[in-house]
C-alpha cells in the first residue's frame, strides 16, 4: 500500500497570499494517484486552502494519520509558506492560522514521526515546496550552520531550496513543483519507466540554473523507491533480449546490409544482398536502444552506416547495466 498526503495553501492573511500552491497540489495529487498506464498508484488525501481551512490542528492530525499504520511508502507534499526561526534554530511549515511564535508544523516534528514510522512504513518521501525548507532533517542546536542531519531509515527529503533560500512562483505554479510535475510525467523516468526521488532531484537540479533556487536532497535509504511508473523508453521485452544479442557485456553485435531496408544511395551497390525481415526487427530494436543510450556503433558514427557498411554495435555502460538486470530476470 502506498499513501500520500498532498497539501497546498494559497489563502494566507494579506499581504502574504500565494497563487500557485493550490494548483500545484491539485496537479501533483492527480499524477500520484495513477501511473502512466492508468493503474492505481498512491492513495491520495488532498488538503487545499480553496476547499478547507488548513489550520495547525488539521495539518497536525493529517500528518499523524499519514505516519500511522503499515504502508510500503508514505509521501508528504507541502506547498505554502515555510519559515526558519533564527532565534530557536527551528523550521516550520506555516499553516493558515500560523503566527509568531506558533507558525504551524515544525519540520523536526515531522521528521520525528517519519523516523518512528519505520519499519511499519518501509519508505517515507517528504517533498517540500516552501521557503527555507532545506532545514528539514537538520538537528537543532548541534551546529551553527545546521549542517548536521538526522534522517531515519527509509526516509527521503527533497526540498525546493536550502535552509536560507526562497521558493519562487511563476505562471501560477511553484517553480520547484512545476519541474517535479514534468519529471513525474516521464521526463525523470529511467529506461524502464520508473521515476524515483533521486531521478526527480536530478531532473530538478539540472533544470534550474546556477543563479536560481537550489533544491536539496537528503536520504537514508537501503531499498528502491518508485514514485510513479510511465511507459518504458525501451520496451521491456526488448530489454529482456539484450543478453541474447550480447552474450557478454563486451560483445560486439555485427551488422550487415540485410538489417537495413532503406539503403539510400548505396541501394545499387547492395542489390545482391537481400533484406532479412528478422534482422530488420532486431535492427529496429537496437536503434531504439541507441536512441536512449544503451548501445553505440563501433565503427561508424551512425547506426545506418554500421548496417550498410557491415559494422557493429556494442553496449554502453548503461546498456551493460540493463543487460545485467535482464540476465538476472529483474526486468
C-alpha atoms as a PDB file:
ATOM      1  CA  UNK A   1       0.000   0.000   0.000  1.00  0.00           C
ATOM      2  CA  UNK A   2       1.198   3.494  -0.884  1.00  0.00           C
ATOM      3  CA  UNK A   3      -0.407   6.600   0.594  1.00  0.00           C
ATOM      4  CA  UNK A   4       0.187  10.303   0.100  1.00  0.00           C
ATOM      5  CA  UNK A   5      -0.858  13.495   1.865  1.00  0.00           C
ATOM      6  CA  UNK A   6      -0.802  16.438  -0.547  1.00  0.00           C
ATOM      7  CA  UNK A   7      -1.208  19.938   0.917  1.00  0.00           C
ATOM      8  CA  UNK A   8      -1.437  23.311  -0.848  1.00  0.00           C
ATOM      9  CA  UNK A   9      -2.060  26.672   0.826  1.00  0.00           C
ATOM     10  CA  UNK A  10      -2.579  29.935  -1.095  1.00  0.00           C
ATOM     11  CA  UNK A  11      -5.018  31.716   1.214  1.00  0.00           C
ATOM     12  CA  UNK A  12      -2.852  33.270   3.884  1.00  0.00           C
ATOM     13  CA  UNK A  13      -3.803  36.535   5.559  1.00  0.00           C
ATOM     14  CA  UNK A  14      -2.915  39.614   3.448  1.00  0.00           C
ATOM     15  CA  UNK A  15      -0.347  40.547   2.325  1.00  0.00           C
ATOM     16  CA  UNK A  16       1.067  37.013   2.445  1.00  0.00           C
ATOM     17  CA  UNK A  17      -1.200  35.329  -0.129  1.00  0.00           C
ATOM     18  CA  UNK A  18       0.297  32.902  -2.627  1.00  0.00           C
ATOM     19  CA  UNK A  19      -1.029  31.961  -6.059  1.00  0.00           C
ATOM     20  CA  UNK A  20       0.437  28.639  -7.176  1.00  0.00           C
ATOM     21  CA  UNK A  21       0.302  26.241  -4.228  1.00  0.00           C
ATOM     22  CA  UNK A  22      -3.265  25.013  -4.674  1.00  0.00           C
ATOM     23  CA  UNK A  23      -2.712  24.483  -8.412  1.00  0.00           C
ATOM     24  CA  UNK A  24       0.449  22.549  -7.629  1.00  0.00           C
ATOM     25  CA  UNK A  25      -1.265  20.332  -5.064  1.00  0.00           C
ATOM     26  CA  UNK A  26      -4.133  19.541  -7.429  1.00  0.00           C
ATOM     27  CA  UNK A  27      -1.857  18.588 -10.328  1.00  0.00           C
ATOM     28  CA  UNK A  28       0.613  16.651  -8.200  1.00  0.00           C
ATOM     29  CA  UNK A  29      -2.174  14.706  -6.473  1.00  0.00           C
ATOM     30  CA  UNK A  30      -3.649  13.719  -9.844  1.00  0.00           C
ATOM     31  CA  UNK A  31      -0.269  12.448 -11.065  1.00  0.00           C
ATOM     32  CA  UNK A  32       0.448  10.470  -7.895  1.00  0.00           C
ATOM     33  CA  UNK A  33      -2.946   8.754  -7.920  1.00  0.00           C
ATOM     34  CA  UNK A  34      -2.248   6.822 -11.118  1.00  0.00           C
ATOM     35  CA  UNK A  35       0.691   5.530 -13.112  1.00  0.00           C
ATOM     36  CA  UNK A  36       1.138   6.426 -16.753  1.00  0.00           C
ATOM     37  CA  UNK A  37      -0.996   3.490 -17.892  1.00  0.00           C
ATOM     38  CA  UNK A  38      -3.858   4.454 -15.564  1.00  0.00           C
ATOM     39  CA  UNK A  39      -3.156   1.750 -12.978  1.00  0.00           C
ATOM     40  CA  UNK A  40      -3.551   2.838  -9.324  1.00  0.00           C
ATOM     41  CA  UNK A  41      -0.504   4.246  -7.589  1.00  0.00           C
ATOM     42  CA  UNK A  42      -0.820   6.276  -4.356  1.00  0.00           C
ATOM     43  CA  UNK A  43      -3.972   6.502  -2.263  1.00  0.00           C
ATOM     44  CA  UNK A  44      -4.004  10.311  -2.052  1.00  0.00           C
ATOM     45  CA  UNK A  45      -5.572  12.585   0.546  1.00  0.00           C
ATOM     46  CA  UNK A  46      -5.625  16.185  -0.694  1.00  0.00           C
ATOM     47  CA  UNK A  47      -5.933  19.203   1.597  1.00  0.00           C
ATOM     48  CA  UNK A  48      -6.055  22.583  -0.156  1.00  0.00           C
ATOM     49  CA  UNK A  49      -6.962  26.039   1.131  1.00  0.00           C
ATOM     50  CA  UNK A  50      -9.576  26.570  -1.577  1.00  0.00           C
ATOM     51  CA  UNK A  51     -11.617  23.725  -0.050  1.00  0.00           C
ATOM     52  CA  UNK A  52     -10.635  23.616   3.635  1.00  0.00           C
ATOM     53  CA  UNK A  53      -9.207  25.840   6.342  1.00  0.00           C
ATOM     54  CA  UNK A  54      -5.714  24.393   6.708  1.00  0.00           C
ATOM     55  CA  UNK A  55      -5.049  25.062  10.385  1.00  0.00           C
ATOM     56  CA  UNK A  56      -2.237  23.699  12.541  1.00  0.00           C
ATOM     57  CA  UNK A  57      -4.642  21.213  14.103  1.00  0.00           C
ATOM     58  CA  UNK A  58      -5.936  19.972  10.738  1.00  0.00           C
ATOM     59  CA  UNK A  59      -2.451  19.507   9.323  1.00  0.00           C
ATOM     60  CA  UNK A  60      -1.077  18.009  12.552  1.00  0.00           C
ATOM     61  CA  UNK A  61      -3.827  15.384  12.601  1.00  0.00           C
ATOM     62  CA  UNK A  62      -3.461  14.589   8.904  1.00  0.00           C
ATOM     63  CA  UNK A  63       0.304  14.117   9.192  1.00  0.00           C
ATOM     64  CA  UNK A  64      -0.219  11.906  12.230  1.00  0.00           C
ATOM     65  CA  UNK A  65      -2.597   9.710  10.230  1.00  0.00           C
ATOM     66  CA  UNK A  66      -0.147   9.563   7.324  1.00  0.00           C
ATOM     67  CA  UNK A  67       2.533   8.068   9.560  1.00  0.00           C
ATOM     68  CA  UNK A  68       0.193   5.644  11.332  1.00  0.00           C
ATOM     69  CA  UNK A  69      -0.255   2.024  10.323  1.00  0.00           C
ATOM     70  CA  UNK A  70       1.529  -0.070   7.726  1.00  0.00           C
ATOM     71  CA  UNK A  71       2.487   1.044   4.233  1.00  0.00           C
ATOM     72  CA  UNK A  72       5.066   0.386   1.562  1.00  0.00           C
ATOM     73  CA  UNK A  73       5.529   4.134   1.008  1.00  0.00           C
ATOM     74  CA  UNK A  74       4.162   7.250   2.721  1.00  0.00           C
ATOM     75  CA  UNK A  75       4.569  10.553   0.880  1.00  0.00           C
ATOM     76  CA  UNK A  76       4.076  14.054   2.273  1.00  0.00           C
ATOM     77  CA  UNK A  77       3.912  17.008  -0.119  1.00  0.00           C
ATOM     78  CA  UNK A  78       3.522  20.584   1.120  1.00  0.00           C
ATOM     79  CA  UNK A  79       3.292  23.776  -0.917  1.00  0.00           C
ATOM     80  CA  UNK A  80       2.935  27.004   1.008  1.00  0.00           C
ATOM     81  CA  UNK A  81       4.919  29.319   3.234  1.00  0.00           C
ATOM     82  CA  UNK A  82       7.874  27.979   5.189  1.00  0.00           C
ATOM     83  CA  UNK A  83       9.947  29.778   7.769  1.00  0.00           C
ATOM     84  CA  UNK A  84      13.034  29.244   9.891  1.00  0.00           C
ATOM     85  CA  UNK A  85      13.154  30.841  13.323  1.00  0.00           C
ATOM     86  CA  UNK A  86      16.749  32.026  13.698  1.00  0.00           C
ATOM     87  CA  UNK A  87      16.411  32.515  17.475  1.00  0.00           C
ATOM     88  CA  UNK A  88      15.363  28.934  18.150  1.00  0.00           C
ATOM     89  CA  UNK A  89      17.014  27.401  15.061  1.00  0.00           C
ATOM     90  CA  UNK A  90      13.710  25.722  14.190  1.00  0.00           C
ATOM     91  CA  UNK A  91      11.933  25.336  10.866  1.00  0.00           C
ATOM     92  CA  UNK A  92       8.179  25.322  10.240  1.00  0.00           C
ATOM     93  CA  UNK A  93       5.548  24.729   7.592  1.00  0.00           C
ATOM     94  CA  UNK A  94       3.260  27.732   8.007  1.00  0.00           C
ATOM     95  CA  UNK A  95      -0.473  26.984   8.306  1.00  0.00           C
ATOM     96  CA  UNK A  96      -3.290  29.468   7.697  1.00  0.00           C
ATOM     97  CA  UNK A  97      -3.618  30.202  11.414  1.00  0.00           C
ATOM     98  CA  UNK A  98       0.137  30.339  11.950  1.00  0.00           C
ATOM     99  CA  UNK A  99       1.801  33.374  13.531  1.00  0.00           C
ATOM    100  CA  UNK A 100       4.839  34.042  15.682  1.00  0.00           C
ATOM    101  CA  UNK A 101       5.844  32.064  17.660  1.00  0.00           C
ATOM    102  CA  UNK A 102       3.377  29.305  16.697  1.00  0.00           C
ATOM    103  CA  UNK A 103       3.930  29.230  12.959  1.00  0.00           C
ATOM    104  CA  UNK A 104       2.382  25.846  12.275  1.00  0.00           C
ATOM    105  CA  UNK A 105       4.009  22.422  11.967  1.00  0.00           C
ATOM    106  CA  UNK A 106       7.652  22.004  12.949  1.00  0.00           C
ATOM    107  CA  UNK A 107       9.931  20.286  10.462  1.00  0.00           C
ATOM    108  CA  UNK A 108      11.685  18.457  13.288  1.00  0.00           C
ATOM    109  CA  UNK A 109       8.328  17.106  14.484  1.00  0.00           C
ATOM    110  CA  UNK A 110       7.516  15.801  11.001  1.00  0.00           C
ATOM    111  CA  UNK A 111      10.882  14.088  10.780  1.00  0.00           C
ATOM    112  CA  UNK A 112      10.480  12.511  14.212  1.00  0.00           C
ATOM    113  CA  UNK A 113       7.169  10.976  13.122  1.00  0.00           C
ATOM    114  CA  UNK A 114       8.678   9.765   9.850  1.00  0.00           C
ATOM    115  CA  UNK A 115      11.635   8.205  11.665  1.00  0.00           C
ATOM    116  CA  UNK A 116       9.413   6.442  14.196  1.00  0.00           C
ATOM    117  CA  UNK A 117       7.095   5.101  11.481  1.00  0.00           C
ATOM    118  CA  UNK A 118       9.838   2.802  10.155  1.00  0.00           C
ATOM    119  CA  UNK A 119       9.694  -0.190   9.660  1.00  0.00           C
ATOM    120  CA  UNK A 120       5.876  -0.277   9.629  1.00  0.00           C
ATOM    121  CA  UNK A 121       6.189   2.250   6.845  1.00  0.00           C
ATOM    122  CA  UNK A 122       9.069   0.993   4.746  1.00  0.00           C
ATOM    123  CA  UNK A 123       9.789   4.235   2.878  1.00  0.00           C
ATOM    124  CA  UNK A 124       8.876   7.858   3.568  1.00  0.00           C
ATOM    125  CA  UNK A 125       9.258  10.607   0.973  1.00  0.00           C
ATOM    126  CA  UNK A 126       8.902  14.254   2.024  1.00  0.00           C
ATOM    127  CA  UNK A 127       8.549  16.855  -0.768  1.00  0.00           C
ATOM    128  CA  UNK A 128       8.520  20.488   0.370  1.00  0.00           C
ATOM    129  CA  UNK A 129       7.924  23.471  -1.931  1.00  0.00           C
ATOM    130  CA  UNK A 130       8.325  26.235   0.627  1.00  0.00           C
ATOM    131  CA  UNK A 131      10.892  28.829   1.601  1.00  0.00           C
ATOM    132  CA  UNK A 132      13.764  27.713   3.854  1.00  0.00           C
ATOM    133  CA  UNK A 133      12.560  24.113   3.561  1.00  0.00           C
ATOM    134  CA  UNK A 134      16.129  22.839   3.263  1.00  0.00           C
ATOM    135  CA  UNK A 135      16.238  22.993   7.059  1.00  0.00           C
ATOM    136  CA  UNK A 136      14.296  19.703   7.104  1.00  0.00           C
ATOM    137  CA  UNK A 137      16.449  16.930   8.542  1.00  0.00           C
ATOM    138  CA  UNK A 138      18.778  19.179  10.492  1.00  0.00           C
ATOM    139  CA  UNK A 139      19.155  18.743  14.246  1.00  0.00           C
ATOM    140  CA  UNK A 140      18.553  21.980  16.134  1.00  0.00           C
ATOM    141  CA  UNK A 141      21.414  23.166  18.282  1.00  0.00           C
ATOM    142  CA  UNK A 142      24.080  20.754  17.055  1.00  0.00           C
ATOM    143  CA  UNK A 143      25.782  23.255  14.775  1.00  0.00           C
ATOM    144  CA  UNK A 144      25.537  26.927  13.918  1.00  0.00           C
ATOM    145  CA  UNK A 145      25.403  26.145  10.221  1.00  0.00           C
ATOM    146  CA  UNK A 146      22.743  23.480  10.618  1.00  0.00           C
ATOM    147  CA  UNK A 147      24.946  21.051   8.724  1.00  0.00           C
ATOM    148  CA  UNK A 148      24.154  18.033  10.876  1.00  0.00           C
ATOM    149  CA  UNK A 149      21.242  15.882   9.769  1.00  0.00           C
ATOM    150  CA  UNK A 150      19.354  13.068  11.461  1.00  0.00           C
ATOM    151  CA  UNK A 151      17.305  11.185   8.933  1.00  0.00           C
ATOM    152  CA  UNK A 152      15.944   7.784   9.937  1.00  0.00           C
ATOM    153  CA  UNK A 153      15.903   4.569   7.941  1.00  0.00           C
ATOM    154  CA  UNK A 154      13.874   4.700   4.773  1.00  0.00           C
ATOM    155  CA  UNK A 155      13.400   8.484   4.790  1.00  0.00           C
ATOM    156  CA  UNK A 156      13.990  10.724   1.761  1.00  0.00           C
ATOM    157  CA  UNK A 157      13.642  14.524   1.778  1.00  0.00           C
ATOM    158  CA  UNK A 158      13.507  16.672  -1.348  1.00  0.00           C
ATOM    159  CA  UNK A 159      13.050  20.422  -0.878  1.00  0.00           C
ATOM    160  CA  UNK A 160      12.716  23.442  -3.151  1.00  0.00           C
ATOM    161  CA  UNK A 161      15.652  25.335  -1.644  1.00  0.00           C
ATOM    162  CA  UNK A 162      18.274  25.370   1.100  1.00  0.00           C
ATOM    163  CA  UNK A 163      17.757  26.470   4.707  1.00  0.00           C
ATOM    164  CA  UNK A 164      18.075  30.172   3.872  1.00  0.00           C
ATOM    165  CA  UNK A 165      16.688  30.028   0.349  1.00  0.00           C
ATOM    166  CA  UNK A 166      13.375  31.146  -1.105  1.00  0.00           C
ATOM    167  CA  UNK A 167      10.946  29.137  -3.229  1.00  0.00           C
ATOM    168  CA  UNK A 168       9.779  31.061  -6.283  1.00  0.00           C
ATOM    169  CA  UNK A 169       6.406  31.024  -8.045  1.00  0.00           C
ATOM    170  CA  UNK A 170       5.976  31.563 -11.758  1.00  0.00           C
ATOM    171  CA  UNK A 171       2.939  31.428 -14.079  1.00  0.00           C
ATOM    172  CA  UNK A 172       0.601  30.200 -11.363  1.00  0.00           C
ATOM    173  CA  UNK A 173       2.877  27.382 -10.169  1.00  0.00           C
ATOM    174  CA  UNK A 174       5.781  26.925  -7.805  1.00  0.00           C
ATOM    175  CA  UNK A 175       8.940  26.691  -9.905  1.00  0.00           C
ATOM    176  CA  UNK A 176      10.125  23.618  -7.987  1.00  0.00           C
ATOM    177  CA  UNK A 177       6.818  21.746  -8.255  1.00  0.00           C
ATOM    178  CA  UNK A 178       6.380  22.693 -11.909  1.00  0.00           C
ATOM    179  CA  UNK A 179       9.633  20.882 -12.691  1.00  0.00           C
ATOM    180  CA  UNK A 180       8.661  17.948 -10.458  1.00  0.00           C
ATOM    181  CA  UNK A 181       5.359  17.588 -12.300  1.00  0.00           C
ATOM    182  CA  UNK A 182       7.309  17.443 -15.573  1.00  0.00           C
ATOM    183  CA  UNK A 183       9.576  14.793 -14.060  1.00  0.00           C
ATOM    184  CA  UNK A 184       6.715  12.676 -12.722  1.00  0.00           C
ATOM    185  CA  UNK A 185       5.076  12.892 -16.128  1.00  0.00           C
ATOM    186  CA  UNK A 186       8.011  10.954 -17.550  1.00  0.00           C
ATOM    187  CA  UNK A 187      10.894  13.384 -18.040  1.00  0.00           C
ATOM    188  CA  UNK A 188      12.673  11.973 -14.961  1.00  0.00           C
ATOM    189  CA  UNK A 189      11.973   8.297 -15.654  1.00  0.00           C
ATOM    190  CA  UNK A 190      14.631   5.683 -16.230  1.00  0.00           C
ATOM    191  CA  UNK A 191      14.715   3.428 -19.294  1.00  0.00           C
ATOM    192  CA  UNK A 192      12.184   1.063 -17.700  1.00  0.00           C
ATOM    193  CA  UNK A 193       9.839   3.986 -16.955  1.00  0.00           C
ATOM    194  CA  UNK A 194      10.331   4.387 -13.194  1.00  0.00           C
ATOM    195  CA  UNK A 195      10.522   7.795 -11.509  1.00  0.00           C
ATOM    196  CA  UNK A 196      12.459   7.735  -8.240  1.00  0.00           C
ATOM    197  CA  UNK A 197      13.147  10.502  -5.685  1.00  0.00           C
ATOM    198  CA  UNK A 198      16.776  10.567  -6.806  1.00  0.00           C
ATOM    199  CA  UNK A 199      15.909  10.873 -10.510  1.00  0.00           C
ATOM    200  CA  UNK A 200      13.359  13.557  -9.646  1.00  0.00           C
ATOM    201  CA  UNK A 201      16.028  15.535  -7.771  1.00  0.00           C
ATOM    202  CA  UNK A 202      18.446  15.183 -10.682  1.00  0.00           C
ATOM    203  CA  UNK A 203      15.768  16.459 -13.069  1.00  0.00           C
ATOM    204  CA  UNK A 204      15.023  19.490 -10.886  1.00  0.00           C
ATOM    205  CA  UNK A 205      18.703  20.205 -10.244  1.00  0.00           C
ATOM    206  CA  UNK A 206      19.592  20.071 -13.947  1.00  0.00           C
ATOM    207  CA  UNK A 207      16.631  22.226 -14.968  1.00  0.00           C
ATOM    208  CA  UNK A 208      17.230  25.088 -12.537  1.00  0.00           C
ATOM    209  CA  UNK A 209      20.032  27.489 -13.436  1.00  0.00           C
ATOM    210  CA  UNK A 210      23.055  28.304 -11.306  1.00  0.00           C
ATOM    211  CA  UNK A 211      21.532  31.648 -10.268  1.00  0.00           C
ATOM    212  CA  UNK A 212      18.165  30.192  -9.295  1.00  0.00           C
ATOM    213  CA  UNK A 213      16.968  28.482  -6.114  1.00  0.00           C
ATOM    214  CA  UNK A 214      18.869  25.273  -5.464  1.00  0.00           C
ATOM    215  CA  UNK A 215      16.986  22.111  -4.464  1.00  0.00           C
ATOM    216  CA  UNK A 216      18.162  19.969  -1.552  1.00  0.00           C
ATOM    217  CA  UNK A 217      18.135  16.171  -1.469  1.00  0.00           C
ATOM    218  CA  UNK A 218      18.719  14.080   1.670  1.00  0.00           C
ATOM    219  CA  UNK A 219      18.159  10.361   2.048  1.00  0.00           C
ATOM    220  CA  UNK A 220      18.818   7.360   4.240  1.00  0.00           C
ATOM    221  CA  UNK A 221      17.532   4.500   2.119  1.00  0.00           C
ATOM    222  CA  UNK A 222      18.502   0.895   1.517  1.00  0.00           C
ATOM    223  CA  UNK A 223      15.796  -0.120  -0.936  1.00  0.00           C
ATOM    224  CA  UNK A 224      14.461   1.093  -4.271  1.00  0.00           C
ATOM    225  CA  UNK A 225      11.567   3.579  -4.134  1.00  0.00           C
ATOM    226  CA  UNK A 226       9.416   4.272  -7.188  1.00  0.00           C
ATOM    227  CA  UNK A 227       7.137   7.303  -7.032  1.00  0.00           C
ATOM    228  CA  UNK A 228       5.420   6.654 -10.360  1.00  0.00           C
ATOM    229  CA  UNK A 229       5.733   4.463 -13.428  1.00  0.00           C
ATOM    230  CA  UNK A 230       5.291   5.607 -17.021  1.00  0.00           C
ATOM    231  CA  UNK A 231       5.755   3.929 -20.399  1.00  0.00           C
ATOM    232  CA  UNK A 232       9.271   2.465 -20.729  1.00  0.00           C
ATOM    233  CA  UNK A 233      11.575   4.359 -23.067  1.00  0.00           C
ATOM    234  CA  UNK A 234      12.621   0.989 -24.469  1.00  0.00           C
ATOM    235  CA  UNK A 235      10.004  -1.804 -24.392  1.00  0.00           C
ATOM    236  CA  UNK A 236      10.704  -4.263 -21.584  1.00  0.00           C
ATOM    237  CA  UNK A 237      10.611  -7.204 -23.967  1.00  0.00           C
ATOM    238  CA  UNK A 238      13.458  -5.575 -25.914  1.00  0.00           C
ATOM    239  CA  UNK A 239      15.477  -5.056 -22.736  1.00  0.00           C
ATOM    240  CA  UNK A 240      14.947  -8.712 -21.829  1.00  0.00           C
ATOM    241  CA  UNK A 241      16.535  -9.700 -25.150  1.00  0.00           C
ATOM    242  CA  UNK A 242      19.778  -7.805 -24.504  1.00  0.00           C
ATOM    243  CA  UNK A 243      21.604 -10.922 -23.160  1.00  0.00           C
ATOM    244  CA  UNK A 244      20.516 -12.726 -26.342  1.00  0.00           C
ATOM    245  CA  UNK A 245      22.022 -10.023 -28.571  1.00  0.00           C
ATOM    246  CA  UNK A 246      25.042  -9.512 -26.305  1.00  0.00           C
ATOM    247  CA  UNK A 247      26.157 -12.817 -24.691  1.00  0.00           C
ATOM    248  CA  UNK A 248      28.744 -10.822 -22.715  1.00  0.00           C
ATOM    249  CA  UNK A 249      28.848  -7.178 -21.731  1.00  0.00           C
ATOM    250  CA  UNK A 250      31.784  -6.578 -24.113  1.00  0.00           C
ATOM    251  CA  UNK A 251      30.303  -8.476 -27.071  1.00  0.00           C
ATOM    252  CA  UNK A 252      30.088  -6.669 -30.412  1.00  0.00           C
ATOM    253  CA  UNK A 253      26.903  -7.375 -32.359  1.00  0.00           C
ATOM    254  CA  UNK A 254      27.786  -7.485 -36.047  1.00  0.00           C
ATOM    255  CA  UNK A 255      25.512  -5.787 -38.567  1.00  0.00           C
ATOM    256  CA  UNK A 256      25.357  -6.065 -42.344  1.00  0.00           C
ATOM    257  CA  UNK A 257      23.158  -4.668 -45.156  1.00  0.00           C
ATOM    258  CA  UNK A 258      20.493  -7.353 -44.583  1.00  0.00           C
ATOM    259  CA  UNK A 259      19.474  -5.433 -41.435  1.00  0.00           C
ATOM    260  CA  UNK A 260      18.695  -2.163 -43.272  1.00  0.00           C
ATOM    261  CA  UNK A 261      15.837  -1.967 -45.816  1.00  0.00           C
ATOM    262  CA  UNK A 262      16.393   1.736 -46.524  1.00  0.00           C
ATOM    263  CA  UNK A 263      19.772   1.704 -48.214  1.00  0.00           C
ATOM    264  CA  UNK A 264      19.651   5.163 -49.796  1.00  0.00           C
ATOM    265  CA  UNK A 265      22.484   5.989 -52.161  1.00  0.00           C
ATOM    266  CA  UNK A 266      24.034   2.552 -51.540  1.00  0.00           C
ATOM    267  CA  UNK A 267      20.975   0.649 -52.846  1.00  0.00           C
ATOM    268  CA  UNK A 268      22.507  -0.196 -56.248  1.00  0.00           C
ATOM    269  CA  UNK A 269      25.731  -1.417 -54.673  1.00  0.00           C
ATOM    270  CA  UNK A 270      23.803  -3.761 -52.346  1.00  0.00           C
ATOM    271  CA  UNK A 271      21.231  -5.144 -54.766  1.00  0.00           C
ATOM    272  CA  UNK A 272      22.644  -8.677 -54.398  1.00  0.00           C
ATOM    273  CA  UNK A 273      22.183  -8.708 -50.598  1.00  0.00           C
ATOM    274  CA  UNK A 274      18.531  -9.382 -49.709  1.00  0.00           C
ATOM    275  CA  UNK A 275      16.843  -7.758 -46.761  1.00  0.00           C
ATOM    276  CA  UNK A 276      16.138 -10.179 -43.901  1.00  0.00           C
ATOM    277  CA  UNK A 277      12.916  -9.240 -42.089  1.00  0.00           C
ATOM    278  CA  UNK A 278      14.005 -10.861 -38.832  1.00  0.00           C
ATOM    279  CA  UNK A 279      17.254  -8.903 -38.965  1.00  0.00           C
ATOM    280  CA  UNK A 280      15.254  -5.740 -39.640  1.00  0.00           C
ATOM    281  CA  UNK A 281      13.239  -6.370 -36.457  1.00  0.00           C
ATOM    282  CA  UNK A 282      16.430  -6.777 -34.431  1.00  0.00           C
ATOM    283  CA  UNK A 283      17.932  -3.691 -36.050  1.00  0.00           C
ATOM    284  CA  UNK A 284      14.883  -1.584 -35.137  1.00  0.00           C
ATOM    285  CA  UNK A 285      15.199  -2.759 -31.541  1.00  0.00           C
ATOM    286  CA  UNK A 286      18.894  -1.854 -31.482  1.00  0.00           C
ATOM    287  CA  UNK A 287      18.071   1.549 -32.959  1.00  0.00           C
ATOM    288  CA  UNK A 288      15.639   2.119 -30.090  1.00  0.00           C
ATOM    289  CA  UNK A 289      18.359   1.140 -27.651  1.00  0.00           C
ATOM    290  CA  UNK A 290      20.778   3.507 -29.369  1.00  0.00           C
ATOM    291  CA  UNK A 291      18.262   6.337 -29.156  1.00  0.00           C
ATOM    292  CA  UNK A 292      18.285   6.011 -25.358  1.00  0.00           C
ATOM    293  CA  UNK A 293      21.996   5.464 -24.862  1.00  0.00           C
ATOM    294  CA  UNK A 294      22.110   1.690 -24.354  1.00  0.00           C
ATOM    295  CA  UNK A 295      24.186   0.794 -27.430  1.00  0.00           C
ATOM    296  CA  UNK A 296      26.576   2.660 -29.685  1.00  0.00           C
ATOM    297  CA  UNK A 297      28.137   1.896 -33.110  1.00  0.00           C
ATOM    298  CA  UNK A 298      31.718   0.624 -33.003  1.00  0.00           C
ATOM    299  CA  UNK A 299      32.973   1.524 -36.470  1.00  0.00           C
ATOM    300  CA  UNK A 300      30.830   4.447 -37.600  1.00  0.00           C
ATOM    301  CA  UNK A 301      29.127   7.485 -36.173  1.00  0.00           C
ATOM    302  CA  UNK A 302      25.604   6.429 -37.162  1.00  0.00           C
ATOM    303  CA  UNK A 303      23.659   3.183 -36.963  1.00  0.00           C
ATOM    304  CA  UNK A 304      22.727   3.393 -40.661  1.00  0.00           C
ATOM    305  CA  UNK A 305      26.372   3.369 -41.712  1.00  0.00           C
ATOM    306  CA  UNK A 306      27.102   0.462 -39.361  1.00  0.00           C
ATOM    307  CA  UNK A 307      24.413  -1.604 -41.078  1.00  0.00           C
ATOM    308  CA  UNK A 308      25.090  -0.607 -44.682  1.00  0.00           C
ATOM    309  CA  UNK A 309      28.878  -0.943 -44.327  1.00  0.00           C
ATOM    310  CA  UNK A 310      28.861  -4.066 -42.078  1.00  0.00           C
ATOM    311  CA  UNK A 311      29.972  -2.508 -38.830  1.00  0.00           C
ATOM    312  CA  UNK A 312      28.926  -3.408 -35.321  1.00  0.00           C
ATOM    313  CA  UNK A 313      27.323  -2.115 -32.137  1.00  0.00           C
ATOM    314  CA  UNK A 314      28.324  -2.542 -28.507  1.00  0.00           C
ATOM    315  CA  UNK A 315      26.720  -1.883 -25.157  1.00  0.00           C
ATOM    316  CA  UNK A 316      27.339   1.364 -23.327  1.00  0.00           C
ATOM    317  CA  UNK A 317      27.828   1.311 -19.538  1.00  0.00           C
ATOM    318  CA  UNK A 318      24.099   1.973 -19.175  1.00  0.00           C
ATOM    319  CA  UNK A 319      23.296  -0.785 -21.649  1.00  0.00           C
ATOM    320  CA  UNK A 320      25.534  -3.219 -19.748  1.00  0.00           C
ATOM    321  CA  UNK A 321      23.584  -2.365 -16.571  1.00  0.00           C
ATOM    322  CA  UNK A 322      20.241  -3.205 -18.165  1.00  0.00           C
ATOM    323  CA  UNK A 323      21.711  -6.332 -19.773  1.00  0.00           C
ATOM    324  CA  UNK A 324      22.766  -7.451 -16.308  1.00  0.00           C
ATOM    325  CA  UNK A 325      19.275  -6.765 -14.938  1.00  0.00           C
ATOM    326  CA  UNK A 326      17.768  -8.763 -17.788  1.00  0.00           C
ATOM    327  CA  UNK A 327      20.194 -11.617 -17.223  1.00  0.00           C
ATOM    328  CA  UNK A 328      19.150 -11.737 -13.549  1.00  0.00           C
ATOM    329  CA  UNK A 329      15.485 -11.619 -14.611  1.00  0.00           C
ATOM    330  CA  UNK A 330      14.896  -8.309 -12.809  1.00  0.00           C
ATOM    331  CA  UNK A 331      13.089  -6.665 -15.709  1.00  0.00           C
END
